[in-house]
mmCIF file of all heavy atoms, coordinates in Angstrom:
data_MODEL
# 
_entry.id   MODEL 
# 
loop_
_atom_site.group_PDB 
_atom_site.id 
_atom_site.type_symbol 
_atom_site.label_atom_id 
_atom_site.label_alt_id 
_atom_site.label_comp_id 
_atom_site.label_asym_id 
_atom_site.label_entity_id 
_atom_site.label_seq_id 
_atom_site.pdbx_PDB_ins_code 
_atom_site.Cartn_x 
_atom_site.Cartn_y 
_atom_site.Cartn_z 
_atom_site.occupancy 
_atom_site.B_iso_or_equiv 
_atom_site.pdbx_formal_charge 
_atom_site.auth_seq_id 
_atom_site.auth_comp_id 
_atom_site.auth_asym_id 
_atom_site.auth_atom_id 
_atom_site.pdbx_PDB_model_num 
ATOM 1   N N   . GLU A 1 1  ? 20.062 -38.717 22.524 1.00 0.00 ? 1  GLU A N   1 
ATOM 2   C CA  . GLU A 1 1  ? 21.231 -39.593 22.309 1.00 0.00 ? 1  GLU A CA  1 
ATOM 3   C C   . GLU A 1 1  ? 20.903 -41.064 22.759 1.00 0.00 ? 1  GLU A C   1 
ATOM 4   O O   . GLU A 1 1  ? 21.428 -42.002 22.110 1.00 0.00 ? 1  GLU A O   1 
ATOM 5   C CB  . GLU A 1 1  ? 22.429 -39.076 23.099 1.00 0.00 ? 1  GLU A CB  1 
ATOM 6   C CG  . GLU A 1 1  ? 23.041 -37.847 22.579 1.00 0.00 ? 1  GLU A CG  1 
ATOM 7   C CD  . GLU A 1 1  ? 24.296 -37.393 23.337 1.00 0.00 ? 1  GLU A CD  1 
ATOM 8   O OE1 . GLU A 1 1  ? 24.879 -38.253 24.028 1.00 0.00 ? 1  GLU A OE1 1 
ATOM 9   O OE2 . GLU A 1 1  ? 24.653 -36.233 23.334 1.00 0.00 ? 1  GLU A OE2 1 
ATOM 10  N N   . ALA A 1 2  ? 20.031 -41.228 23.669 1.00 0.00 ? 2  ALA A N   1 
ATOM 11  C CA  . ALA A 1 2  ? 19.704 -42.583 24.076 1.00 0.00 ? 2  ALA A CA  1 
ATOM 12  C C   . ALA A 1 2  ? 18.554 -43.191 23.268 1.00 0.00 ? 2  ALA A C   1 
ATOM 13  O O   . ALA A 1 2  ? 18.240 -44.362 23.356 1.00 0.00 ? 2  ALA A O   1 
ATOM 14  C CB  . ALA A 1 2  ? 19.099 -42.551 25.544 1.00 0.00 ? 2  ALA A CB  1 
ATOM 15  N N   . GLY A 1 3  ? 18.034 -42.431 22.237 1.00 0.00 ? 3  GLY A N   1 
ATOM 16  C CA  . GLY A 1 3  ? 17.001 -42.951 21.327 1.00 0.00 ? 3  GLY A CA  1 
ATOM 17  C C   . GLY A 1 3  ? 15.666 -42.959 21.822 1.00 0.00 ? 3  GLY A C   1 
ATOM 18  O O   . GLY A 1 3  ? 14.856 -43.866 21.471 1.00 0.00 ? 3  GLY A O   1 
ATOM 19  N N   . HIS A 1 4  ? 15.261 -42.034 22.664 1.00 0.00 ? 4  HIS A N   1 
ATOM 20  C CA  . HIS A 1 4  ? 13.955 -42.015 23.256 1.00 0.00 ? 4  HIS A CA  1 
ATOM 21  C C   . HIS A 1 4  ? 12.864 -41.884 22.198 1.00 0.00 ? 4  HIS A C   1 
ATOM 22  O O   . HIS A 1 4  ? 12.933 -41.031 21.303 1.00 0.00 ? 4  HIS A O   1 
ATOM 23  C CB  . HIS A 1 4  ? 13.715 -40.978 24.293 1.00 0.00 ? 4  HIS A CB  1 
ATOM 24  C CG  . HIS A 1 4  ? 14.447 -41.241 25.668 1.00 0.00 ? 4  HIS A CG  1 
ATOM 25  N ND1 . HIS A 1 4  ? 15.734 -40.762 25.819 1.00 0.00 ? 4  HIS A ND1 1 
ATOM 26  C CD2 . HIS A 1 4  ? 14.144 -41.858 26.669 1.00 0.00 ? 4  HIS A CD2 1 
ATOM 27  C CE1 . HIS A 1 4  ? 16.188 -41.131 26.994 1.00 0.00 ? 4  HIS A CE1 1 
ATOM 28  N NE2 . HIS A 1 4  ? 15.165 -41.944 27.498 1.00 0.00 ? 4  HIS A NE2 1 
ATOM 29  N N   . ARG A 1 5  ? 11.722 -42.616 22.345 1.00 0.00 ? 5  ARG A N   1 
ATOM 30  C CA  . ARG A 1 5  ? 10.574 -42.417 21.486 1.00 0.00 ? 5  ARG A CA  1 
ATOM 31  C C   . ARG A 1 5  ? 9.332  -42.468 22.375 1.00 0.00 ? 5  ARG A C   1 
ATOM 32  O O   . ARG A 1 5  ? 9.301  -43.125 23.396 1.00 0.00 ? 5  ARG A O   1 
ATOM 33  C CB  . ARG A 1 5  ? 10.457 -43.594 20.524 1.00 0.00 ? 5  ARG A CB  1 
ATOM 34  C CG  . ARG A 1 5  ? 11.636 -43.523 19.523 1.00 0.00 ? 5  ARG A CG  1 
ATOM 35  C CD  . ARG A 1 5  ? 11.753 -44.818 18.700 1.00 0.00 ? 5  ARG A CD  1 
ATOM 36  N NE  . ARG A 1 5  ? 12.880 -44.778 17.752 1.00 0.00 ? 5  ARG A NE  1 
ATOM 37  C CZ  . ARG A 1 5  ? 12.975 -45.281 16.581 1.00 0.00 ? 5  ARG A CZ  1 
ATOM 38  N NH1 . ARG A 1 5  ? 11.921 -45.922 16.230 1.00 0.00 ? 5  ARG A NH1 1 
ATOM 39  N NH2 . ARG A 1 5  ? 13.966 -45.171 15.887 1.00 0.00 ? 5  ARG A NH2 1 
ATOM 40  N N   . VAL A 1 6  ? 8.286  -41.807 21.908 1.00 0.00 ? 6  VAL A N   1 
ATOM 41  C CA  . VAL A 1 6  ? 6.962  -41.786 22.629 1.00 0.00 ? 6  VAL A CA  1 
ATOM 42  C C   . VAL A 1 6  ? 6.016  -42.431 21.786 1.00 0.00 ? 6  VAL A C   1 
ATOM 43  O O   . VAL A 1 6  ? 5.860  -42.044 20.598 1.00 0.00 ? 6  VAL A O   1 
ATOM 44  C CB  . VAL A 1 6  ? 6.644  -40.359 23.087 1.00 0.00 ? 6  VAL A CB  1 
ATOM 45  C CG1 . VAL A 1 6  ? 5.284  -40.340 23.762 1.00 0.00 ? 6  VAL A CG1 1 
ATOM 46  C CG2 . VAL A 1 6  ? 7.645  -39.683 23.959 1.00 0.00 ? 6  VAL A CG2 1 
ATOM 47  N N   . VAL A 1 7  ? 5.267  -43.385 22.245 1.00 0.00 ? 7  VAL A N   1 
ATOM 48  C CA  . VAL A 1 7  ? 4.130  -44.027 21.614 1.00 0.00 ? 7  VAL A CA  1 
ATOM 49  C C   . VAL A 1 7  ? 2.886  -43.549 22.255 1.00 0.00 ? 7  VAL A C   1 
ATOM 50  O O   . VAL A 1 7  ? 2.617  -43.623 23.508 1.00 0.00 ? 7  VAL A O   1 
ATOM 51  C CB  . VAL A 1 7  ? 4.267  -45.484 21.553 1.00 0.00 ? 7  VAL A CB  1 
ATOM 52  C CG1 . VAL A 1 7  ? 3.098  -46.076 20.807 1.00 0.00 ? 7  VAL A CG1 1 
ATOM 53  C CG2 . VAL A 1 7  ? 5.495  -46.021 20.953 1.00 0.00 ? 7  VAL A CG2 1 
ATOM 54  N N   . LEU A 1 8  ? 1.974  -42.856 21.345 1.00 0.00 ? 8  LEU A N   1 
ATOM 55  C CA  . LEU A 1 8  ? 0.682  -42.380 21.810 1.00 0.00 ? 8  LEU A CA  1 
ATOM 56  C C   . LEU A 1 8  ? -0.349 -43.240 21.297 1.00 0.00 ? 8  LEU A C   1 
ATOM 57  O O   . LEU A 1 8  ? -0.425 -43.499 20.099 1.00 0.00 ? 8  LEU A O   1 
ATOM 58  C CB  . LEU A 1 8  ? 0.487  -40.881 21.372 1.00 0.00 ? 8  LEU A CB  1 
ATOM 59  C CG  . LEU A 1 8  ? 1.560  -39.860 21.659 1.00 0.00 ? 8  LEU A CG  1 
ATOM 60  C CD1 . LEU A 1 8  ? 1.265  -38.629 20.886 1.00 0.00 ? 8  LEU A CD1 1 
ATOM 61  C CD2 . LEU A 1 8  ? 1.495  -39.593 23.184 1.00 0.00 ? 8  LEU A CD2 1 
ATOM 62  N N   . ASN A 1 9  ? -1.350 -43.689 22.163 1.00 0.00 ? 9  ASN A N   1 
ATOM 63  C CA  . ASN A 1 9  ? -2.360 -44.395 21.711 1.00 0.00 ? 9  ASN A CA  1 
ATOM 64  C C   . ASN A 1 9  ? -3.543 -44.455 22.790 1.00 0.00 ? 9  ASN A C   1 
ATOM 65  O O   . ASN A 1 9  ? -3.187 -44.535 23.984 1.00 0.00 ? 9  ASN A O   1 
ATOM 66  C CB  . ASN A 1 9  ? -2.075 -45.848 21.291 1.00 0.00 ? 9  ASN A CB  1 
ATOM 67  C CG  . ASN A 1 9  ? -1.396 -46.647 22.264 1.00 0.00 ? 9  ASN A CG  1 
ATOM 68  O OD1 . ASN A 1 9  ? -1.535 -46.497 23.503 1.00 0.00 ? 9  ASN A OD1 1 
ATOM 69  N ND2 . ASN A 1 9  ? -0.641 -47.614 21.839 1.00 0.00 ? 9  ASN A ND2 1 
ATOM 70  N N   . ASP A 1 10 ? -4.677 -44.584 22.400 1.00 0.00 ? 10 ASP A N   1 
ATOM 71  C CA  . ASP A 1 10 ? -5.882 -44.704 23.321 1.00 0.00 ? 10 ASP A CA  1 
ATOM 72  C C   . ASP A 1 10 ? -5.843 -43.761 24.546 1.00 0.00 ? 10 ASP A C   1 
ATOM 73  O O   . ASP A 1 10 ? -6.092 -44.169 25.660 1.00 0.00 ? 10 ASP A O   1 
ATOM 74  C CB  . ASP A 1 10 ? -6.021 -46.137 23.790 1.00 0.00 ? 10 ASP A CB  1 
ATOM 75  C CG  . ASP A 1 10 ? -6.384 -47.105 22.615 1.00 0.00 ? 10 ASP A CG  1 
ATOM 76  O OD1 . ASP A 1 10 ? -6.992 -46.544 21.610 1.00 0.00 ? 10 ASP A OD1 1 
ATOM 77  O OD2 . ASP A 1 10 ? -6.019 -48.193 22.713 1.00 0.00 ? 10 ASP A OD2 1 
ATOM 78  N N   . GLY A 1 11 ? -5.424 -42.539 24.350 1.00 0.00 ? 11 GLY A N   1 
ATOM 79  C CA  . GLY A 1 11 ? -5.389 -41.560 25.412 1.00 0.00 ? 11 GLY A CA  1 
ATOM 80  C C   . GLY A 1 11 ? -4.209 -41.731 26.340 1.00 0.00 ? 11 GLY A C   1 
ATOM 81  O O   . GLY A 1 11 ? -4.086 -41.017 27.375 1.00 0.00 ? 11 GLY A O   1 
ATOM 82  N N   . GLY A 1 12 ? -3.274 -42.618 26.172 1.00 0.00 ? 12 GLY A N   1 
ATOM 83  C CA  . GLY A 1 12 ? -1.996 -42.827 26.910 1.00 0.00 ? 12 GLY A CA  1 
ATOM 84  C C   . GLY A 1 12 ? -0.804 -42.753 26.123 1.00 0.00 ? 12 GLY A C   1 
ATOM 85  O O   . GLY A 1 12 ? -0.786 -42.597 24.966 1.00 0.00 ? 12 GLY A O   1 
ATOM 86  N N   . TYR A 1 13 ? 0.300  -42.870 26.847 1.00 0.00 ? 13 TYR A N   1 
ATOM 87  C CA  . TYR A 1 13 ? 1.657  -42.776 26.230 1.00 0.00 ? 13 TYR A CA  1 
ATOM 88  C C   . TYR A 1 13 ? 2.537  -43.716 26.915 1.00 0.00 ? 13 TYR A C   1 
ATOM 89  O O   . TYR A 1 13 ? 2.476  -43.973 28.113 1.00 0.00 ? 13 TYR A O   1 
ATOM 90  C CB  . TYR A 1 13 ? 2.130  -41.406 26.062 1.00 0.00 ? 13 TYR A CB  1 
ATOM 91  C CG  . TYR A 1 13 ? 2.676  -40.803 27.420 1.00 0.00 ? 13 TYR A CG  1 
ATOM 92  C CD1 . TYR A 1 13 ? 3.970  -40.885 27.656 1.00 0.00 ? 13 TYR A CD1 1 
ATOM 93  C CD2 . TYR A 1 13 ? 1.791  -40.254 28.334 1.00 0.00 ? 13 TYR A CD2 1 
ATOM 94  C CE1 . TYR A 1 13 ? 4.519  -40.424 28.808 1.00 0.00 ? 13 TYR A CE1 1 
ATOM 95  C CE2 . TYR A 1 13 ? 2.338  -39.759 29.493 1.00 0.00 ? 13 TYR A CE2 1 
ATOM 96  C CZ  . TYR A 1 13 ? 3.703  -39.754 29.787 1.00 0.00 ? 13 TYR A CZ  1 
ATOM 97  O OH  . TYR A 1 13 ? 4.237  -39.364 30.871 1.00 0.00 ? 13 TYR A OH  1 
ATOM 98  N N   . ALA A 1 14 ? 3.621  -44.073 26.153 1.00 0.00 ? 14 ALA A N   1 
ATOM 99  C CA  . ALA A 1 14 ? 4.733  -44.808 26.783 1.00 0.00 ? 14 ALA A CA  1 
ATOM 100 C C   . ALA A 1 14 ? 6.053  -44.303 26.229 1.00 0.00 ? 14 ALA A C   1 
ATOM 101 O O   . ALA A 1 14 ? 6.108  -44.005 24.979 1.00 0.00 ? 14 ALA A O   1 
ATOM 102 C CB  . ALA A 1 14 ? 4.570  -46.287 26.375 1.00 0.00 ? 14 ALA A CB  1 
ATOM 103 N N   . VAL A 1 15 ? 7.024  -44.119 27.003 1.00 0.00 ? 15 VAL A N   1 
ATOM 104 C CA  . VAL A 1 15 ? 8.332  -43.719 26.613 1.00 0.00 ? 15 VAL A CA  1 
ATOM 105 C C   . VAL A 1 15 ? 9.255  -44.990 26.570 1.00 0.00 ? 15 VAL A C   1 
ATOM 106 O O   . VAL A 1 15 ? 9.299  -45.725 27.546 1.00 0.00 ? 15 VAL A O   1 
ATOM 107 C CB  . VAL A 1 15 ? 8.934  -42.606 27.496 1.00 0.00 ? 15 VAL A CB  1 
ATOM 108 C CG1 . VAL A 1 15 ? 10.305 -42.208 27.033 1.00 0.00 ? 15 VAL A CG1 1 
ATOM 109 C CG2 . VAL A 1 15 ? 7.900  -41.408 27.579 1.00 0.00 ? 15 VAL A CG2 1 
ATOM 110 N N   . SER A 1 16 ? 9.992  -45.085 25.436 1.00 0.00 ? 16 SER A N   1 
ATOM 111 C CA  . SER A 1 16 ? 10.949 -46.208 25.369 1.00 0.00 ? 16 SER A CA  1 
ATOM 112 C C   . SER A 1 16 ? 12.144 -45.892 24.651 1.00 0.00 ? 16 SER A C   1 
ATOM 113 O O   . SER A 1 16 ? 12.231 -44.813 23.899 1.00 0.00 ? 16 SER A O   1 
ATOM 114 C CB  . SER A 1 16 ? 10.201 -47.373 24.797 1.00 0.00 ? 16 SER A CB  1 
ATOM 115 O OG  . SER A 1 16 ? 10.013 -47.162 23.409 1.00 0.00 ? 16 SER A OG  1 
ATOM 116 N N   . THR A 1 17 ? 13.159 -46.740 24.752 1.00 0.00 ? 17 THR A N   1 
ATOM 117 C CA  . THR A 1 17 ? 14.386 -46.549 23.969 1.00 0.00 ? 17 THR A CA  1 
ATOM 118 C C   . THR A 1 17 ? 14.691 -47.841 23.079 1.00 0.00 ? 17 THR A C   1 
ATOM 119 O O   . THR A 1 17 ? 15.705 -47.849 22.424 1.00 0.00 ? 17 THR A O   1 
ATOM 120 C CB  . THR A 1 17 ? 15.558 -46.282 24.934 1.00 0.00 ? 17 THR A CB  1 
ATOM 121 O OG1 . THR A 1 17 ? 15.676 -47.399 25.788 1.00 0.00 ? 17 THR A OG1 1 
ATOM 122 C CG2 . THR A 1 17 ? 15.501 -44.991 25.646 1.00 0.00 ? 17 THR A CG2 1 
ATOM 123 N N   . SER A 1 18 ? 13.771 -48.727 23.162 1.00 0.00 ? 18 SER A N   1 
ATOM 124 C CA  . SER A 1 18 ? 14.022 -49.967 22.303 1.00 0.00 ? 18 SER A CA  1 
ATOM 125 C C   . SER A 1 18 ? 12.699 -50.596 21.951 1.00 0.00 ? 18 SER A C   1 
ATOM 126 O O   . SER A 1 18 ? 11.608 -50.155 22.421 1.00 0.00 ? 18 SER A O   1 
ATOM 127 C CB  . SER A 1 18 ? 14.882 -50.955 23.084 1.00 0.00 ? 18 SER A CB  1 
ATOM 128 O OG  . SER A 1 18 ? 14.176 -51.354 24.317 1.00 0.00 ? 18 SER A OG  1 
ATOM 129 N N   . GLY A 1 19 ? 12.720 -51.563 21.156 1.00 0.00 ? 19 GLY A N   1 
ATOM 130 C CA  . GLY A 1 19 ? 11.576 -52.405 20.775 1.00 0.00 ? 19 GLY A CA  1 
ATOM 131 C C   . GLY A 1 19 ? 10.589 -51.781 19.783 1.00 0.00 ? 19 GLY A C   1 
ATOM 132 O O   . GLY A 1 19 ? 9.538  -52.232 19.509 1.00 0.00 ? 19 GLY A O   1 
ATOM 133 N N   . SER A 1 20 ? 11.242 -50.884 18.915 1.00 0.00 ? 20 SER A N   1 
ATOM 134 C CA  . SER A 1 20 ? 10.381 -50.242 17.879 1.00 0.00 ? 20 SER A CA  1 
ATOM 135 C C   . SER A 1 20 ? 10.809 -50.727 16.506 1.00 0.00 ? 20 SER A C   1 
ATOM 136 O O   . SER A 1 20 ? 12.113 -50.868 16.297 1.00 0.00 ? 20 SER A O   1 
ATOM 137 C CB  . SER A 1 20 ? 10.524 -48.720 17.956 1.00 0.00 ? 20 SER A CB  1 
ATOM 138 O OG  . SER A 1 20 ? 9.844  -48.173 16.816 1.00 0.00 ? 20 SER A OG  1 
ATOM 139 N N   . SER A 1 21 ? 10.015 -50.904 15.632 1.00 0.00 ? 21 SER A N   1 
ATOM 140 C CA  . SER A 1 21 ? 10.371 -51.312 14.196 1.00 0.00 ? 21 SER A CA  1 
ATOM 141 C C   . SER A 1 21 ? 10.283 -50.061 13.236 1.00 0.00 ? 21 SER A C   1 
ATOM 142 O O   . SER A 1 21 ? 10.468 -50.244 12.089 1.00 0.00 ? 21 SER A O   1 
ATOM 143 C CB  . SER A 1 21 ? 9.587  -52.450 13.702 1.00 0.00 ? 21 SER A CB  1 
ATOM 144 O OG  . SER A 1 21 ? 8.168  -52.059 13.687 1.00 0.00 ? 21 SER A OG  1 
ATOM 145 N N   . THR A 1 22 ? 9.842  -48.909 13.839 1.00 0.00 ? 22 THR A N   1 
ATOM 146 C CA  . THR A 1 22 ? 9.760  -47.712 13.037 1.00 0.00 ? 22 THR A CA  1 
ATOM 147 C C   . THR A 1 22 ? 11.124 -47.115 12.732 1.00 0.00 ? 22 THR A C   1 
ATOM 148 O O   . THR A 1 22 ? 11.951 -47.016 13.592 1.00 0.00 ? 22 THR A O   1 
ATOM 149 C CB  . THR A 1 22 ? 8.868  -46.657 13.782 1.00 0.00 ? 22 THR A CB  1 
ATOM 150 O OG1 . THR A 1 22 ? 7.638  -47.239 14.254 1.00 0.00 ? 22 THR A OG1 1 
ATOM 151 C CG2 . THR A 1 22 ? 8.586  -45.497 12.870 1.00 0.00 ? 22 THR A CG2 1 
ATOM 152 N N   . LEU A 1 23 ? 11.329 -46.761 11.429 1.00 0.00 ? 23 LEU A N   1 
ATOM 153 C CA  . LEU A 1 23 ? 12.563 -46.227 10.881 1.00 0.00 ? 23 LEU A CA  1 
ATOM 154 C C   . LEU A 1 23 ? 12.365 -44.668 10.833 1.00 0.00 ? 23 LEU A C   1 
ATOM 155 O O   . LEU A 1 23 ? 11.420 -44.188 10.130 1.00 0.00 ? 23 LEU A O   1 
ATOM 156 C CB  . LEU A 1 23 ? 12.965 -46.773 9.636  1.00 0.00 ? 23 LEU A CB  1 
ATOM 157 C CG  . LEU A 1 23 ? 14.278 -46.249 8.997  1.00 0.00 ? 23 LEU A CG  1 
ATOM 158 C CD1 . LEU A 1 23 ? 15.396 -46.588 9.902  1.00 0.00 ? 23 LEU A CD1 1 
ATOM 159 C CD2 . LEU A 1 23 ? 14.477 -46.956 7.665  1.00 0.00 ? 23 LEU A CD2 1 
ATOM 160 N N   . PHE A 1 24 ? 13.174 -43.960 11.524 1.00 0.00 ? 24 PHE A N   1 
ATOM 161 C CA  . PHE A 1 24 ? 13.063 -42.435 11.453 1.00 0.00 ? 24 PHE A CA  1 
ATOM 162 C C   . PHE A 1 24 ? 14.343 -41.951 10.813 1.00 0.00 ? 24 PHE A C   1 
ATOM 163 O O   . PHE A 1 24 ? 15.498 -42.469 11.051 1.00 0.00 ? 24 PHE A O   1 
ATOM 164 C CB  . PHE A 1 24 ? 13.034 -41.794 12.941 1.00 0.00 ? 24 PHE A CB  1 
ATOM 165 C CG  . PHE A 1 24 ? 11.678 -42.040 13.451 1.00 0.00 ? 24 PHE A CG  1 
ATOM 166 C CD1 . PHE A 1 24 ? 11.416 -42.976 14.388 1.00 0.00 ? 24 PHE A CD1 1 
ATOM 167 C CD2 . PHE A 1 24 ? 10.654 -41.252 13.125 1.00 0.00 ? 24 PHE A CD2 1 
ATOM 168 C CE1 . PHE A 1 24 ? 10.225 -43.142 15.042 1.00 0.00 ? 24 PHE A CE1 1 
ATOM 169 C CE2 . PHE A 1 24 ? 9.383  -41.329 13.696 1.00 0.00 ? 24 PHE A CE2 1 
ATOM 170 C CZ  . PHE A 1 24 ? 9.173  -42.272 14.631 1.00 0.00 ? 24 PHE A CZ  1 
ATOM 171 N N   . SER A 1 25 ? 14.299 -40.748 10.112 1.00 0.00 ? 25 SER A N   1 
ATOM 172 C CA  . SER A 1 25 ? 15.396 -39.985 9.616  1.00 0.00 ? 25 SER A CA  1 
ATOM 173 C C   . SER A 1 25 ? 15.669 -38.910 10.594 1.00 0.00 ? 25 SER A C   1 
ATOM 174 O O   . SER A 1 25 ? 14.730 -38.239 11.094 1.00 0.00 ? 25 SER A O   1 
ATOM 175 C CB  . SER A 1 25 ? 15.040 -39.461 8.235  1.00 0.00 ? 25 SER A CB  1 
ATOM 176 O OG  . SER A 1 25 ? 16.004 -38.581 7.801  1.00 0.00 ? 25 SER A OG  1 
ATOM 177 N N   . GLN A 1 26 ? 16.899 -38.654 10.839 1.00 0.00 ? 26 GLN A N   1 
ATOM 178 C CA  . GLN A 1 26 ? 17.308 -37.530 11.783 1.00 0.00 ? 26 GLN A CA  1 
ATOM 179 C C   . GLN A 1 26 ? 18.356 -36.622 11.004 1.00 0.00 ? 26 GLN A C   1 
ATOM 180 O O   . GLN A 1 26 ? 19.497 -36.912 11.181 1.00 0.00 ? 26 GLN A O   1 
ATOM 181 C CB  . GLN A 1 26 ? 17.931 -38.144 13.074 1.00 0.00 ? 26 GLN A CB  1 
ATOM 182 C CG  . GLN A 1 26 ? 16.928 -38.942 13.907 1.00 0.00 ? 26 GLN A CG  1 
ATOM 183 C CD  . GLN A 1 26 ? 17.514 -39.447 15.184 1.00 0.00 ? 26 GLN A CD  1 
ATOM 184 O OE1 . GLN A 1 26 ? 18.740 -39.498 15.364 1.00 0.00 ? 26 GLN A OE1 1 
ATOM 185 N NE2 . GLN A 1 26 ? 16.663 -39.934 16.068 1.00 0.00 ? 26 GLN A NE2 1 
ATOM 186 N N   . PRO A 1 27 ? 17.844 -35.689 10.379 1.00 0.00 ? 27 PRO A N   1 
ATOM 187 C CA  . PRO A 1 27 ? 18.774 -34.757 9.681  1.00 0.00 ? 27 PRO A CA  1 
ATOM 188 C C   . PRO A 1 27 ? 19.647 -34.032 10.699 1.00 0.00 ? 27 PRO A C   1 
ATOM 189 O O   . PRO A 1 27 ? 19.234 -33.915 11.864 1.00 0.00 ? 27 PRO A O   1 
ATOM 190 C CB  . PRO A 1 27 ? 17.856 -33.746 8.998  1.00 0.00 ? 27 PRO A CB  1 
ATOM 191 C CG  . PRO A 1 27 ? 16.489 -34.336 9.008  1.00 0.00 ? 27 PRO A CG  1 
ATOM 192 C CD  . PRO A 1 27 ? 16.441 -35.348 10.116 1.00 0.00 ? 27 PRO A CD  1 
# 
């Protein structure tokens, strides 16, 4: 509900709820 997203790169990860330009579909 809060819009959490995880970004994985270079062996690490970050969890965020803002700052992304990626568009996702949520059926």
